[in-house]
Amino acid sequence: MIVNKAVWNKDGHVSFGVEGGDGGSIYLKTKTIAVETLRLKDLIEKETFIDFLKLDIEGAETEVLIDCQDVLGRVKNIFIEYHSFIGYPQALDKILYILSKNNFRYYFYPVSRDKSPAFSCKLGINIDFQINIFAYKRQ
């Protein structure tokens, strides 16, 4: 089943900034469109077990995971593409806390392998850090 909506922390709409190609984010304030949303927590609560949850939601991952943290016990494996946006607080610590609290063991894979990250802190439009997080439930 395909649902043509974005996952979010509530049902409704969210303003999504598009960058012209295939990317965008809730943090881009250039050309924006209203996208219909549904609450991911409500979808998870309808299932007794989820083998794999993939969150590649262009900056919305922190807000969505904060809302879903009490139902992640139903998820066995999770992939999160984390984005850090220039001008906004970083929230990787919040995501890792939620994963740890839900008994996940995690590891990282960098999206960019910059040779001097201390001096080059911009990966793309509005992004200064991006990492893939793979997590599985500890036995």
N, C-alpha and C. Protein backbone atom coordinates (compact mmCIF):
# COMPACT_ATOMS: atom_id res chain seq x y z
N MET A 1 0.84 -1.17 0.00
CA MET A 1 0.00 0.00 0.00
C MET A 1 0.89 1.25 0.00
N ILE A 2 0.61 2.16 -0.88
CA ILE A 2 1.34 3.42 -0.97
C ILE A 2 0.41 4.54 -0.52
N VAL A 3 0.91 5.38 0.38
CA VAL A 3 0.16 6.53 0.87
C VAL A 3 0.92 7.77 0.45
N ASN A 4 0.32 8.63 -0.31
CA ASN A 4 0.98 9.82 -0.84
C ASN A 4 0.93 10.96 0.18
N LYS A 5 1.61 10.76 1.31
CA LYS A 5 1.70 11.75 2.38
C LYS A 5 3.07 11.64 3.03
N ALA A 6 3.44 12.67 3.75
CA ALA A 6 4.70 12.66 4.49
C ALA A 6 4.43 12.23 5.92
N VAL A 7 5.35 11.49 6.52
CA VAL A 7 5.20 11.17 7.95
C VAL A 7 5.67 12.36 8.75
N TRP A 8 5.00 12.58 9.86
CA TRP A 8 5.28 13.73 10.71
C TRP A 8 4.85 13.38 12.12
N ASN A 9 4.85 14.34 13.02
CA ASN A 9 4.45 14.07 14.40
C ASN A 9 2.97 14.38 14.65
N LYS A 10 2.23 14.68 13.58
CA LYS A 10 0.77 14.88 13.68
C LYS A 10 0.17 14.81 12.29
N ASP A 11 -1.12 14.58 12.25
CA ASP A 11 -1.85 14.64 10.98
C ASP A 11 -2.07 16.10 10.62
N GLY A 12 -2.01 16.40 9.34
CA GLY A 12 -2.25 17.77 8.91
C GLY A 12 -1.41 18.12 7.69
N HIS A 13 -0.67 19.21 7.80
CA HIS A 13 0.18 19.68 6.70
C HIS A 13 1.49 20.21 7.28
N VAL A 14 2.54 20.16 6.49
CA VAL A 14 3.82 20.75 6.86
C VAL A 14 4.35 21.51 5.65
N SER A 15 5.07 22.59 5.91
CA SER A 15 5.68 23.38 4.85
C SER A 15 7.01 22.73 4.49
N PHE A 16 7.16 22.33 3.23
CA PHE A 16 8.35 21.62 2.77
C PHE A 16 9.05 22.47 1.71
N GLY A 17 10.32 22.80 1.96
CA GLY A 17 11.09 23.59 1.01
C GLY A 17 11.74 22.71 -0.03
N VAL A 18 11.53 23.01 -1.29
CA VAL A 18 12.12 22.21 -2.37
C VAL A 18 13.30 22.97 -2.96
N GLU A 19 14.32 22.20 -3.38
CA GLU A 19 15.52 22.84 -3.92
C GLU A 19 15.66 22.67 -5.43
N GLY A 20 14.65 22.15 -6.07
CA GLY A 20 14.67 22.07 -7.53
C GLY A 20 14.98 20.69 -8.07
N GLY A 21 15.89 19.96 -7.45
CA GLY A 21 16.21 18.61 -7.91
C GLY A 21 15.28 17.61 -7.26
N ASP A 22 15.86 16.65 -6.60
CA ASP A 22 15.05 15.64 -5.92
C ASP A 22 15.11 15.80 -4.40
N GLY A 23 15.67 16.90 -3.92
CA GLY A 23 15.82 17.09 -2.48
C GLY A 23 14.97 18.22 -1.95
N GLY A 24 14.97 18.32 -0.64
CA GLY A 24 14.24 19.38 0.03
C GLY A 24 14.24 19.11 1.52
N SER A 25 13.57 19.97 2.27
CA SER A 25 13.53 19.82 3.71
C SER A 25 12.50 20.74 4.31
N ILE A 26 12.09 20.41 5.52
CA ILE A 26 11.23 21.32 6.27
C ILE A 26 12.01 22.55 6.71
N TYR A 27 13.34 22.50 6.65
CA TYR A 27 14.18 23.62 7.07
C TYR A 27 14.55 24.56 5.93
N LEU A 28 14.25 24.20 4.70
CA LEU A 28 14.50 25.11 3.58
C LEU A 28 13.35 26.10 3.50
N LYS A 29 13.68 27.36 3.42
CA LYS A 29 12.64 28.39 3.42
C LYS A 29 12.53 29.08 2.07
N THR A 30 13.14 28.51 1.03
CA THR A 30 13.06 29.10 -0.29
C THR A 30 11.69 28.78 -0.88
N LYS A 31 11.63 28.05 -1.93
CA LYS A 31 10.35 27.67 -2.54
C LYS A 31 9.71 26.58 -1.69
N THR A 32 8.56 26.86 -1.08
CA THR A 32 7.92 25.89 -0.21
C THR A 32 6.57 25.46 -0.78
N ILE A 33 6.22 24.23 -0.42
CA ILE A 33 4.92 23.68 -0.78
C ILE A 33 4.30 23.09 0.49
N ALA A 34 3.00 23.04 0.54
CA ALA A 34 2.30 22.41 1.66
C ALA A 34 2.16 20.93 1.33
N VAL A 35 2.63 20.09 2.25
CA VAL A 35 2.58 18.64 2.06
C VAL A 35 1.66 18.05 3.12
N GLU A 36 0.74 17.21 2.70
CA GLU A 36 -0.17 16.54 3.64
C GLU A 36 0.62 15.53 4.46
N THR A 37 0.34 15.47 5.76
CA THR A 37 1.09 14.60 6.66
C THR A 37 0.18 13.62 7.40
N LEU A 38 0.82 12.58 7.89
CA LEU A 38 0.16 11.66 8.81
C LEU A 38 1.14 11.33 9.91
N ARG A 39 0.61 11.01 11.07
CA ARG A 39 1.44 10.76 12.25
C ARG A 39 2.00 9.34 12.19
N LEU A 40 3.34 9.23 12.15
CA LEU A 40 3.98 7.93 12.09
C LEU A 40 3.66 7.09 13.33
N LYS A 41 3.59 7.71 14.48
CA LYS A 41 3.29 6.97 15.71
C LYS A 41 1.98 6.20 15.58
N ASP A 42 0.98 6.81 14.97
CA ASP A 42 -0.31 6.13 14.79
C ASP A 42 -0.16 4.90 13.90
N LEU A 43 0.68 4.98 12.88
CA LEU A 43 0.91 3.81 12.01
C LEU A 43 1.63 2.70 12.76
N ILE A 44 2.64 3.05 13.53
CA ILE A 44 3.39 2.05 14.30
C ILE A 44 2.49 1.37 15.31
N GLU A 45 1.63 2.13 15.97
CA GLU A 45 0.73 1.56 16.98
C GLU A 45 -0.24 0.55 16.42
N LYS A 46 -0.50 0.59 15.11
CA LYS A 46 -1.41 -0.37 14.49
C LYS A 46 -0.75 -1.73 14.27
N GLU A 47 0.57 -1.80 14.41
CA GLU A 47 1.32 -3.04 14.17
C GLU A 47 1.80 -3.63 15.48
N THR A 48 1.88 -4.95 15.54
CA THR A 48 2.44 -5.58 16.73
C THR A 48 3.96 -5.74 16.61
N PHE A 49 4.45 -5.82 15.37
CA PHE A 49 5.88 -6.01 15.14
C PHE A 49 6.27 -5.39 13.80
N ILE A 50 7.36 -4.65 13.80
CA ILE A 50 7.90 -4.07 12.57
C ILE A 50 9.34 -4.52 12.45
N ASP A 51 9.64 -5.25 11.39
CA ASP A 51 10.99 -5.78 11.22
C ASP A 51 11.99 -4.69 10.87
N PHE A 52 11.60 -3.74 10.01
CA PHE A 52 12.53 -2.71 9.56
C PHE A 52 11.78 -1.40 9.32
N LEU A 53 12.28 -0.33 9.95
CA LEU A 53 11.72 1.01 9.77
C LEU A 53 12.80 1.90 9.18
N LYS A 54 12.52 2.51 8.04
CA LYS A 54 13.47 3.40 7.39
C LYS A 54 12.95 4.83 7.48
N LEU A 55 13.79 5.72 8.04
CA LEU A 55 13.44 7.13 8.15
C LEU A 55 14.45 7.95 7.35
N ASP A 56 14.08 8.26 6.15
CA ASP A 56 14.86 9.13 5.27
C ASP A 56 13.90 10.26 4.94
N ILE A 57 13.71 11.16 5.92
CA ILE A 57 12.63 12.13 5.83
C ILE A 57 13.14 13.58 5.89
N GLU A 58 14.33 13.78 5.38
CA GLU A 58 14.87 15.10 5.05
C GLU A 58 14.75 16.16 6.13
N GLY A 59 15.19 15.81 7.33
CA GLY A 59 15.22 16.78 8.41
C GLY A 59 14.13 16.63 9.44
N ALA A 60 13.11 15.86 9.15
CA ALA A 60 12.00 15.69 10.09
C ALA A 60 12.25 14.55 11.07
N GLU A 61 13.41 13.88 10.95
CA GLU A 61 13.65 12.68 11.75
C GLU A 61 13.63 12.93 13.26
N THR A 62 14.17 14.02 13.73
CA THR A 62 14.22 14.25 15.18
C THR A 62 12.81 14.42 15.75
N GLU A 63 12.01 15.29 15.16
CA GLU A 63 10.66 15.53 15.66
C GLU A 63 9.81 14.25 15.61
N VAL A 64 9.95 13.49 14.53
CA VAL A 64 9.17 12.26 14.38
C VAL A 64 9.60 11.22 15.41
N LEU A 65 10.91 11.06 15.63
CA LEU A 65 11.39 10.08 16.61
C LEU A 65 11.02 10.47 18.04
N ILE A 66 11.06 11.75 18.35
CA ILE A 66 10.63 12.19 19.68
C ILE A 66 9.18 11.79 19.91
N ASP A 67 8.34 11.97 18.91
CA ASP A 67 6.93 11.60 19.02
C ASP A 67 6.74 10.08 19.11
N CYS A 68 7.59 9.32 18.43
CA CYS A 68 7.44 7.85 18.35
C CYS A 68 8.20 7.09 19.43
N GLN A 69 8.94 7.77 20.27
CA GLN A 69 9.86 7.07 21.17
C GLN A 69 9.19 6.02 22.06
N ASP A 70 7.94 6.20 22.42
CA ASP A 70 7.26 5.25 23.30
C ASP A 70 6.73 4.02 22.57
N VAL A 71 6.76 4.00 21.24
CA VAL A 71 6.27 2.84 20.50
C VAL A 71 7.39 2.13 19.72
N LEU A 72 8.62 2.57 19.88
CA LEU A 72 9.73 1.95 19.15
C LEU A 72 10.06 0.54 19.65
N GLY A 73 9.44 0.12 20.73
CA GLY A 73 9.61 -1.25 21.21
C GLY A 73 9.07 -2.27 20.21
N ARG A 74 8.23 -1.84 19.30
CA ARG A 74 7.66 -2.73 18.27
C ARG A 74 8.59 -2.89 17.07
N VAL A 75 9.66 -2.10 17.01
CA VAL A 75 10.57 -2.07 15.86
C VAL A 75 11.83 -2.86 16.19
N LYS A 76 12.21 -3.75 15.27
CA LYS A 76 13.42 -4.56 15.47
C LYS A 76 14.67 -3.89 14.90
N ASN A 77 14.57 -3.33 13.71
CA ASN A 77 15.70 -2.68 13.04
C ASN A 77 15.25 -1.33 12.53
N ILE A 78 16.17 -0.36 12.55
CA ILE A 78 15.82 0.98 12.09
C ILE A 78 17.01 1.61 11.36
N PHE A 79 16.68 2.34 10.32
CA PHE A 79 17.67 3.14 9.59
C PHE A 79 17.20 4.59 9.66
N ILE A 80 18.11 5.49 10.01
CA ILE A 80 17.79 6.91 10.10
C ILE A 80 18.84 7.69 9.34
N GLU A 81 18.39 8.52 8.41
CA GLU A 81 19.31 9.46 7.76
C GLU A 81 19.17 10.77 8.53
N TYR A 82 20.21 11.08 9.33
CA TYR A 82 20.18 12.28 10.17
C TYR A 82 20.78 13.47 9.43
N HIS A 83 20.11 14.62 9.53
CA HIS A 83 20.56 15.87 8.92
C HIS A 83 20.75 16.92 10.00
N SER A 84 21.81 17.69 9.88
CA SER A 84 22.03 18.85 10.74
C SER A 84 22.00 20.09 9.86
N PHE A 85 21.10 21.00 10.18
CA PHE A 85 20.90 22.17 9.34
C PHE A 85 21.55 23.41 9.95
N ILE A 86 22.25 24.15 9.12
CA ILE A 86 22.92 25.37 9.53
C ILE A 86 21.87 26.34 10.09
N GLY A 87 22.17 26.90 11.26
CA GLY A 87 21.27 27.86 11.87
C GLY A 87 20.24 27.24 12.81
N TYR A 88 20.23 25.91 12.91
CA TYR A 88 19.29 25.20 13.79
C TYR A 88 20.10 24.34 14.76
N PRO A 89 19.57 24.09 15.96
CA PRO A 89 20.30 23.25 16.93
C PRO A 89 20.50 21.83 16.39
N GLN A 90 21.68 21.27 16.67
CA GLN A 90 21.91 19.87 16.31
C GLN A 90 21.15 18.99 17.31
N ALA A 91 20.69 17.82 16.83
CA ALA A 91 19.86 16.96 17.69
C ALA A 91 20.28 15.50 17.65
N LEU A 92 21.48 15.22 17.19
CA LEU A 92 21.94 13.83 17.14
C LEU A 92 21.90 13.20 18.53
N ASP A 93 22.22 13.96 19.57
CA ASP A 93 22.18 13.44 20.93
C ASP A 93 20.78 12.97 21.32
N LYS A 94 19.75 13.68 20.88
CA LYS A 94 18.37 13.29 21.19
C LYS A 94 18.02 11.97 20.51
N ILE A 95 18.43 11.82 19.27
CA ILE A 95 18.15 10.59 18.53
C ILE A 95 18.85 9.41 19.18
N LEU A 96 20.13 9.58 19.53
CA LEU A 96 20.87 8.48 20.15
C LEU A 96 20.30 8.11 21.52
N TYR A 97 19.84 9.10 22.26
CA TYR A 97 19.20 8.83 23.54
C TYR A 97 17.93 7.99 23.36
N ILE A 98 17.11 8.35 22.37
CA ILE A 98 15.88 7.61 22.10
C ILE A 98 16.21 6.18 21.69
N LEU A 99 17.21 6.00 20.85
CA LEU A 99 17.61 4.64 20.44
C LEU A 99 18.10 3.84 21.63
N SER A 100 18.96 4.42 22.46
CA SER A 100 19.49 3.72 23.63
C SER A 100 18.38 3.35 24.61
N LYS A 101 17.47 4.29 24.84
CA LYS A 101 16.35 4.06 25.76
C LYS A 101 15.47 2.91 25.29
N ASN A 102 15.44 2.68 23.98
CA ASN A 102 14.63 1.61 23.42
C ASN A 102 15.44 0.35 23.11
N ASN A 103 16.60 0.25 23.72
CA ASN A 103 17.43 -0.96 23.66
C ASN A 103 17.98 -1.26 22.26
N PHE A 104 18.27 -0.21 21.49
CA PHE A 104 18.90 -0.39 20.18
C PHE A 104 20.41 -0.26 20.33
N ARG A 105 21.12 -1.02 19.53
CA ARG A 105 22.56 -0.86 19.37
C ARG A 105 22.75 -0.22 18.00
N TYR A 106 23.56 0.83 17.90
CA TYR A 106 23.64 1.59 16.66
C TYR A 106 25.07 1.72 16.17
N TYR A 107 25.18 1.95 14.88
CA TYR A 107 26.46 2.32 14.28
C TYR A 107 26.20 3.30 13.15
N PHE A 108 27.27 3.99 12.73
CA PHE A 108 27.15 5.11 11.81
C PHE A 108 27.88 4.86 10.50
N TYR A 109 27.38 5.48 9.47
CA TYR A 109 28.08 5.52 8.19
C TYR A 109 27.98 6.95 7.67
N PRO A 110 29.12 7.62 7.52
CA PRO A 110 29.07 9.02 7.08
C PRO A 110 28.61 9.15 5.64
N VAL A 111 27.86 10.19 5.37
CA VAL A 111 27.41 10.46 4.01
C VAL A 111 28.53 11.11 3.22
N SER A 112 29.32 11.96 3.88
CA SER A 112 30.43 12.64 3.23
C SER A 112 31.71 12.32 3.97
N ARG A 113 32.76 12.06 3.25
CA ARG A 113 34.06 11.79 3.87
C ARG A 113 35.02 12.94 3.53
N ASP A 114 34.74 14.08 4.13
CA ASP A 114 35.55 15.27 3.92
C ASP A 114 36.92 15.06 4.57
N LYS A 115 37.98 15.42 3.88
CA LYS A 115 39.34 15.23 4.40
C LYS A 115 39.66 16.19 5.54
N SER A 116 38.97 17.31 5.62
CA SER A 116 39.22 18.27 6.70
C SER A 116 37.89 18.85 7.19
N PRO A 117 37.09 18.06 7.91
CA PRO A 117 35.76 18.52 8.32
C PRO A 117 35.79 19.71 9.28
N ALA A 118 36.91 19.92 9.98
CA ALA A 118 36.97 21.05 10.91
C ALA A 118 37.01 22.39 10.17
N PHE A 119 37.40 22.36 8.92
CA PHE A 119 37.53 23.60 8.16
C PHE A 119 36.49 23.74 7.05
N SER A 120 35.81 22.69 6.74
CA SER A 120 34.81 22.70 5.67
C SER A 120 33.50 22.17 6.25
N CYS A 121 32.66 23.06 6.69
CA CYS A 121 31.46 22.65 7.42
C CYS A 121 30.17 22.90 6.66
N LYS A 122 30.15 22.57 5.39
CA LYS A 122 28.91 22.70 4.62
C LYS A 122 28.87 21.60 3.58
N LEU A 123 27.84 20.75 3.67
CA LEU A 123 27.71 19.63 2.74
C LEU A 123 26.82 19.96 1.55
N GLY A 124 25.90 20.84 1.74
CA GLY A 124 24.95 21.17 0.69
C GLY A 124 24.14 22.36 1.12
N ILE A 125 23.05 22.57 0.45
CA ILE A 125 22.20 23.70 0.80
C ILE A 125 21.71 23.55 2.24
N ASN A 126 22.19 24.44 3.11
CA ASN A 126 21.72 24.49 4.49
C ASN A 126 22.16 23.32 5.38
N ILE A 127 22.96 22.37 4.90
CA ILE A 127 23.34 21.20 5.70
C ILE A 127 24.83 21.28 6.04
N ASP A 128 25.16 21.10 7.34
CA ASP A 128 26.56 21.07 7.73
C ASP A 128 27.02 19.69 8.21
N PHE A 129 26.07 18.76 8.37
CA PHE A 129 26.42 17.42 8.82
C PHE A 129 25.29 16.46 8.45
N GLN A 130 25.67 15.30 7.95
CA GLN A 130 24.68 14.28 7.61
C GLN A 130 25.32 12.92 7.84
N ILE A 131 24.57 12.03 8.47
CA ILE A 131 25.10 10.71 8.78
C ILE A 131 23.97 9.68 8.72
N ASN A 132 24.30 8.49 8.29
CA ASN A 132 23.35 7.38 8.29
C ASN A 132 23.52 6.59 9.59
N ILE A 133 22.42 6.32 10.26
CA ILE A 133 22.44 5.56 11.50
C ILE A 133 21.70 4.25 11.26
N PHE A 134 22.39 3.15 11.53
CA PHE A 134 21.80 1.82 11.44
C PHE A 134 21.69 1.30 12.88
N ALA A 135 20.53 0.81 13.25
CA ALA A 135 20.35 0.32 14.62
C ALA A 135 19.53 -0.96 14.62
N TYR A 136 19.89 -1.83 15.55
CA TYR A 136 19.15 -3.08 15.71
C TYR A 136 18.90 -3.31 17.18
N LYS A 137 17.84 -4.04 17.45
CA LYS A 137 17.44 -4.32 18.82
C LYS A 137 18.39 -5.32 19.44
N ARG A 138 18.89 -4.97 20.61
CA ARG A 138 19.77 -5.89 21.36
C ARG A 138 18.94 -7.05 21.90
N GLN A 139 19.52 -8.20 21.90
CA GLN A 139 18.83 -9.39 22.41
C GLN A 139 18.87 -9.46 23.91
